Amino acid sequence: MSTSQPDTPVLEVADLTVRYGQVRAVTRAQLTVQPGSIVTVIGANGAGKSTLLNAIMGSLPANGSSTGSIRYRQSDVNRWPVERRVARGMSLVPESRELFASMTVEDNLLLGAFRLYRARHSDWRSSLTEVYDLFPVLATRKWQQAGTLSGGERQMLAVGRALMAKPELLMLDEPSLGLAPRIVREIFQIIAQLRSMGTAILLVEQNARAALQVADYGYVLETGQVILEGAAADLATDQRVIDSYLGLGGEPRETTTD
């Protein structure tokens, strides 16, 4: 259940600049995520989208550094370690998914609830039922090793594991990457369902068409800079977005992974 006031943003990013050594990957980025909304950041490969998420989550690599303001639920989190951000309700599903391949589906999910267990939340196991209701296929695979799942099932498991911690802000990095169009549609239907459950979502995607269809608000990132923002429906009809992202490059990517 959300603890933010209705008019108080879950996330506010202002003048965020990220460097890797002398290379500037993100320049003075600004974005806001409201409670119970889906905000998407679209852009080409290499635009700085993943870097933006990692900076917000505090998980930049050792050679990365950031300046600017990151406020989560009105708290300045710039100096918070990843663990504290997770404990306060921030969660990131990285592009690589980072599952434990030799562990079962259910054990991967239970690891996602570890912070609730450690904090002695009495209802931490209820998250498991909620995730299985959201992803029925995971319930049928719960004793399988995660490494034996299909690409789509692994993505569902990665999202499910993040949801086990009952996040208020869920950040998704390229959830459609490598998936067949049919599975992409299913993943995005689930993302929309999460919004109806009150979870705020920050969605980074190359698949601009799918992202703008599900999002409330969007930002366009090019070479590390936000060059355009607005209601997702407006961006979807903006000629600049259509020309750059909604032509053939905006179509779901055909792959053999499901």
Protein backbone atom coordinates (compact mmCIF):
# COMPACT_ATOMS: atom_id res chain seq x y z
CA MET A 1 0.00 0.00 0.00
CA SER A 2 1.35 3.42 -0.95
CA THR A 3 2.49 5.67 1.89
CA SER A 4 2.83 8.81 -0.25
CA GLN A 5 0.21 11.53 -0.29
CA PRO A 6 -1.77 11.60 -3.57
CA ASP A 7 -0.17 14.86 -4.77
CA THR A 8 3.33 14.06 -3.55
CA PRO A 9 5.66 12.55 -6.18
CA VAL A 10 7.18 9.18 -5.35
CA LEU A 11 10.34 10.18 -7.22
CA GLU A 12 11.79 13.56 -8.21
CA VAL A 13 15.04 13.75 -10.16
CA ALA A 14 16.59 17.15 -10.87
CA ASP A 15 19.76 18.13 -12.73
CA LEU A 16 21.11 14.57 -12.59
CA THR A 17 24.47 14.26 -14.32
CA VAL A 18 26.35 10.97 -14.47
CA ARG A 19 29.97 10.48 -15.49
CA TYR A 20 32.11 7.45 -16.14
CA GLY A 21 35.56 8.89 -15.67
CA GLN A 22 35.72 11.81 -18.10
CA VAL A 23 32.76 10.58 -20.15
CA ARG A 24 29.40 12.21 -19.42
CA ALA A 25 26.64 9.61 -19.87
CA VAL A 26 23.67 11.63 -18.55
CA THR A 27 23.39 15.41 -18.52
CA ARG A 28 21.09 17.36 -16.18
CA ALA A 29 18.22 14.91 -16.44
CA GLN A 30 14.94 15.78 -14.77
CA LEU A 31 11.92 13.53 -14.26
CA THR A 32 9.03 12.98 -11.87
CA VAL A 33 7.03 9.85 -11.03
CA GLN A 34 3.65 10.24 -9.36
CA PRO A 35 2.11 7.55 -7.11
CA GLY A 36 0.29 4.82 -9.02
CA SER A 37 1.53 6.03 -12.42
CA ILE A 38 3.66 4.57 -15.19
CA VAL A 39 6.40 6.85 -16.47
CA THR A 40 8.53 5.71 -19.38
CA VAL A 41 11.93 6.83 -20.62
CA ILE A 42 12.42 5.95 -24.27
CA GLY A 43 15.48 6.29 -26.42
CA ALA A 44 17.88 4.46 -28.65
CA ASN A 45 20.46 1.96 -27.44
CA GLY A 46 23.27 3.88 -25.73
CA ALA A 47 21.14 6.94 -24.95
CA GLY A 48 21.86 6.64 -21.22
CA LYS A 49 18.60 5.02 -20.10
CA SER A 50 20.14 2.21 -18.01
CA THR A 51 22.67 4.63 -16.54
CA LEU A 52 19.79 6.85 -15.43
CA LEU A 53 18.10 3.96 -13.60
CA ASN A 54 21.33 2.79 -11.98
CA ALA A 55 22.03 6.29 -10.71
CA ILE A 56 18.54 6.53 -9.21
CA MET A 57 19.01 3.14 -7.56
CA GLY A 58 22.52 3.98 -6.33
CA SER A 59 24.01 1.07 -8.23
CA LEU A 60 26.48 2.76 -10.57
CA PRO A 61 29.72 0.84 -11.16
CA ALA A 62 32.87 1.87 -9.32
CA ASN A 63 34.01 4.21 -12.11
CA GLY A 64 30.68 6.02 -12.18
CA SER A 65 29.71 9.15 -10.27
CA SER A 66 26.65 11.37 -10.20
CA THR A 67 25.63 14.86 -9.19
CA GLY A 68 22.21 16.42 -8.90
CA SER A 69 19.16 15.68 -6.78
CA ILE A 70 17.32 12.39 -6.31
CA ARG A 71 14.37 12.59 -3.94
CA TYR A 72 12.27 9.55 -3.07
CA ARG A 73 9.12 10.12 -1.01
CA GLN A 74 10.47 13.62 -0.23
CA SER A 75 13.76 12.27 1.16
CA ASP A 76 17.13 13.08 -0.40
CA VAL A 77 18.55 9.62 -1.19
CA ASN A 78 21.75 10.66 -2.97
CA ARG A 79 23.98 9.31 -0.24
CA TRP A 80 21.88 6.26 0.60
CA PRO A 81 23.36 2.84 -0.20
CA VAL A 82 21.33 0.49 -2.39
CA GLU A 83 20.24 -1.55 0.64
CA ARG A 84 18.62 1.44 2.29
CA ARG A 85 16.81 2.41 -0.89
CA VAL A 86 15.45 -1.13 -1.20
CA ALA A 87 14.39 -1.10 2.45
CA ARG A 88 12.44 2.12 1.85
CA GLY A 89 10.54 0.65 -1.12
CA MET A 90 12.64 1.21 -4.24
CA SER A 91 13.23 -1.77 -6.51
CA LEU A 92 15.06 -2.20 -9.82
CA VAL A 93 14.72 -5.08 -12.29
CA PRO A 94 17.91 -4.79 -14.36
CA GLU A 95 18.17 -5.62 -18.03
CA SER A 96 20.28 -8.69 -17.16
CA ARG A 97 17.54 -9.92 -14.74
CA GLU A 98 20.26 -11.32 -12.40
CA LEU A 99 18.44 -14.48 -11.38
CA PHE A 100 20.08 -17.35 -9.50
CA ALA A 101 19.98 -19.93 -12.28
CA SER A 102 20.70 -22.99 -10.11
CA MET A 103 18.02 -22.10 -7.54
CA THR A 104 14.33 -22.89 -7.90
CA VAL A 105 11.76 -20.36 -8.99
CA GLU A 106 10.29 -20.24 -5.50
CA ASP A 107 13.67 -19.81 -3.81
CA ASN A 108 14.43 -16.89 -6.15
CA LEU A 109 11.12 -15.33 -5.17
CA LEU A 110 11.69 -15.86 -1.47
CA LEU A 111 15.02 -14.07 -1.72
CA GLY A 112 13.08 -11.05 -2.94
CA ALA A 113 11.15 -11.01 0.35
CA PHE A 114 14.26 -11.17 2.51
CA ARG A 115 14.09 -7.53 3.64
CA LEU A 116 10.50 -8.04 4.84
CA TYR A 117 11.50 -11.23 6.61
CA ARG A 118 14.48 -9.52 8.25
CA ALA A 119 12.22 -6.65 9.33
CA ARG A 120 9.88 -9.26 10.90
CA HIS A 121 6.87 -8.37 8.75
CA SER A 122 4.30 -11.00 9.67
CA ASP A 123 2.73 -11.05 6.20
CA TRP A 124 5.92 -11.46 4.16
CA ARG A 125 4.77 -14.82 2.79
CA SER A 126 1.56 -13.29 1.44
CA SER A 127 3.67 -11.71 -1.29
CA LEU A 128 4.28 -15.19 -2.68
CA THR A 129 0.56 -15.78 -3.23
CA GLU A 130 0.20 -12.37 -4.85
CA VAL A 131 3.07 -13.03 -7.27
CA TYR A 132 1.71 -16.46 -8.22
CA ASP A 133 -1.71 -14.89 -8.84
CA LEU A 134 -0.07 -12.30 -11.09
CA PHE A 135 2.16 -14.84 -12.87
CA PRO A 136 0.33 -18.21 -12.83
CA VAL A 137 3.02 -19.82 -14.96
CA LEU A 138 5.53 -19.30 -12.15
CA ALA A 139 3.32 -21.31 -9.78
CA THR A 140 3.45 -24.24 -12.20
CA ARG A 141 7.25 -23.91 -12.44
CA LYS A 142 8.01 -23.15 -8.79
CA TRP A 143 10.23 -26.21 -8.24
CA GLN A 144 12.13 -25.77 -11.53
CA GLN A 145 15.57 -24.22 -11.59
CA ALA A 146 15.39 -20.64 -12.82
CA GLY A 147 17.99 -21.38 -15.49
CA THR A 148 15.61 -23.81 -17.22
CA LEU A 149 12.89 -21.21 -17.82
CA SER A 150 12.13 -19.57 -21.15
CA GLY A 151 13.09 -15.94 -21.71
CA GLY A 152 9.59 -14.72 -20.99
CA GLU A 153 9.33 -16.80 -17.82
CA ARG A 154 12.69 -15.48 -16.61
CA GLN A 155 11.47 -11.92 -17.11
CA MET A 156 8.30 -12.71 -15.16
CA LEU A 157 10.42 -14.22 -12.39
CA ALA A 158 12.66 -11.14 -12.25
CA VAL A 159 9.64 -8.85 -11.93
CA GLY A 160 7.98 -11.21 -9.44
CA ARG A 161 11.09 -11.28 -7.26
CA ALA A 162 11.14 -7.47 -7.17
CA LEU A 163 7.46 -7.41 -6.21
CA MET A 164 8.10 -9.75 -3.28
CA ALA A 165 9.54 -6.74 -1.43
CA LYS A 166 6.27 -4.81 -1.93
CA PRO A 167 7.99 -1.82 -3.56
CA GLU A 168 6.35 1.57 -3.83
CA LEU A 169 8.55 2.39 -6.84
CA LEU A 170 9.35 -0.37 -9.34
CA MET A 171 11.96 0.42 -11.99
CA LEU A 172 12.13 -1.80 -15.06
CA ASP A 173 15.10 -1.77 -17.42
CA GLU A 174 14.19 -3.01 -20.92
CA PRO A 175 11.63 -5.65 -19.82
CA SER A 176 10.84 -6.52 -23.47
CA LEU A 177 14.46 -7.14 -24.47
CA GLY A 178 14.91 -10.41 -26.34
CA LEU A 179 11.27 -11.48 -26.08
CA ALA A 180 8.86 -12.51 -28.82
CA PRO A 181 6.02 -10.04 -29.58
CA ARG A 182 3.39 -12.28 -27.95
CA ILE A 183 5.34 -12.35 -24.68
CA VAL A 184 6.02 -8.61 -24.88
CA ARG A 185 2.28 -7.97 -24.98
CA GLU A 186 1.77 -10.20 -21.95
CA ILE A 187 4.53 -8.47 -19.96
CA PHE A 188 3.09 -5.04 -20.71
CA GLN A 189 -0.41 -6.14 -19.75
CA ILE A 190 1.00 -7.16 -16.37
CA ILE A 191 2.80 -3.81 -16.04
CA ALA A 192 -0.53 -2.04 -16.59
CA GLN A 193 -2.10 -4.28 -13.97
CA LEU A 194 0.55 -3.26 -11.44
CA ARG A 195 -0.42 0.38 -11.90
CA SER A 196 -4.01 -0.49 -11.01
CA MET A 197 -2.64 -2.05 -7.81
CA GLY A 198 -1.05 1.27 -6.83
CA THR A 199 2.59 0.60 -7.70
CA ALA A 200 4.48 3.51 -9.29
CA ILE A 201 6.56 2.33 -12.24
CA LEU A 202 9.54 3.87 -14.01
CA LEU A 203 9.92 2.00 -17.29
CA VAL A 204 12.99 2.27 -19.50
CA GLU A 205 12.42 0.91 -23.01
CA GLN A 206 13.71 0.85 -26.57
CA ASN A 207 10.32 -0.48 -27.69
CA ALA A 208 8.77 2.98 -27.76
CA ARG A 209 5.46 1.87 -29.20
CA ALA A 210 4.74 -0.63 -26.42
CA ALA A 211 6.03 1.73 -23.72
CA LEU A 212 3.92 4.71 -24.80
CA GLN A 213 0.81 2.55 -25.07
CA VAL A 214 1.03 1.55 -21.41
CA ALA A 215 2.54 4.71 -19.85
CA ASP A 216 0.87 7.83 -18.47
CA TYR A 217 3.83 10.13 -19.06
CA GLY A 218 7.04 9.87 -21.03
CA TYR A 219 10.51 11.29 -21.50
CA VAL A 220 12.68 11.00 -24.61
CA LEU A 221 16.39 10.59 -23.88
CA GLU A 222 19.04 11.23 -26.53
CA THR A 223 22.78 11.12 -25.85
CA GLY A 224 22.11 11.44 -22.13
CA GLN A 225 19.78 14.43 -22.33
CA VAL A 226 16.00 14.68 -21.99
CA ILE A 227 14.99 16.35 -25.25
CA LEU A 228 11.23 15.92 -25.00
CA GLU A 229 8.60 15.07 -22.41
CA GLY A 230 4.85 14.97 -22.10
CA ALA A 231 1.77 12.83 -21.71
CA ALA A 232 2.43 9.44 -23.31
CA ALA A 233 -0.57 9.82 -25.64
CA ASP A 234 0.81 13.15 -26.87
CA LEU A 235 4.31 11.77 -27.43
CA ALA A 236 2.84 8.89 -29.43
CA THR A 237 1.43 11.40 -31.93
CA ASP A 238 4.40 13.78 -31.91
CA GLN A 239 5.99 13.73 -35.37
CA ARG A 240 9.52 13.81 -33.96
CA VAL A 241 8.83 10.70 -31.89
CA ILE A 242 7.08 8.99 -34.80
CA ASP A 243 10.00 9.68 -37.15
CA SER A 244 12.68 8.56 -34.69
CA TYR A 245 11.06 5.80 -32.65
CA LEU A 246 7.70 4.66 -34.00
CA GLY A 247 8.67 3.58 -37.49
CA LEU A 248 10.12 0.12 -38.05
CA GLY A 249 12.34 0.68 -35.03
CA GLY A 250 9.29 1.05 -32.83
CA GLU A 251 7.79 -2.28 -33.76
CA PRO A 252 8.15 -5.21 -31.35
CA ARG A 253 11.46 -6.93 -32.00
CA GLU A 254 11.16 -10.33 -33.61
CA THR A 255 13.12 -12.95 -31.74
CA THR A 256 12.96 -16.66 -31.13
CA THR A 257 12.97 -16.30 -27.35
CA ASP A 258 9.67 -16.81 -25.55
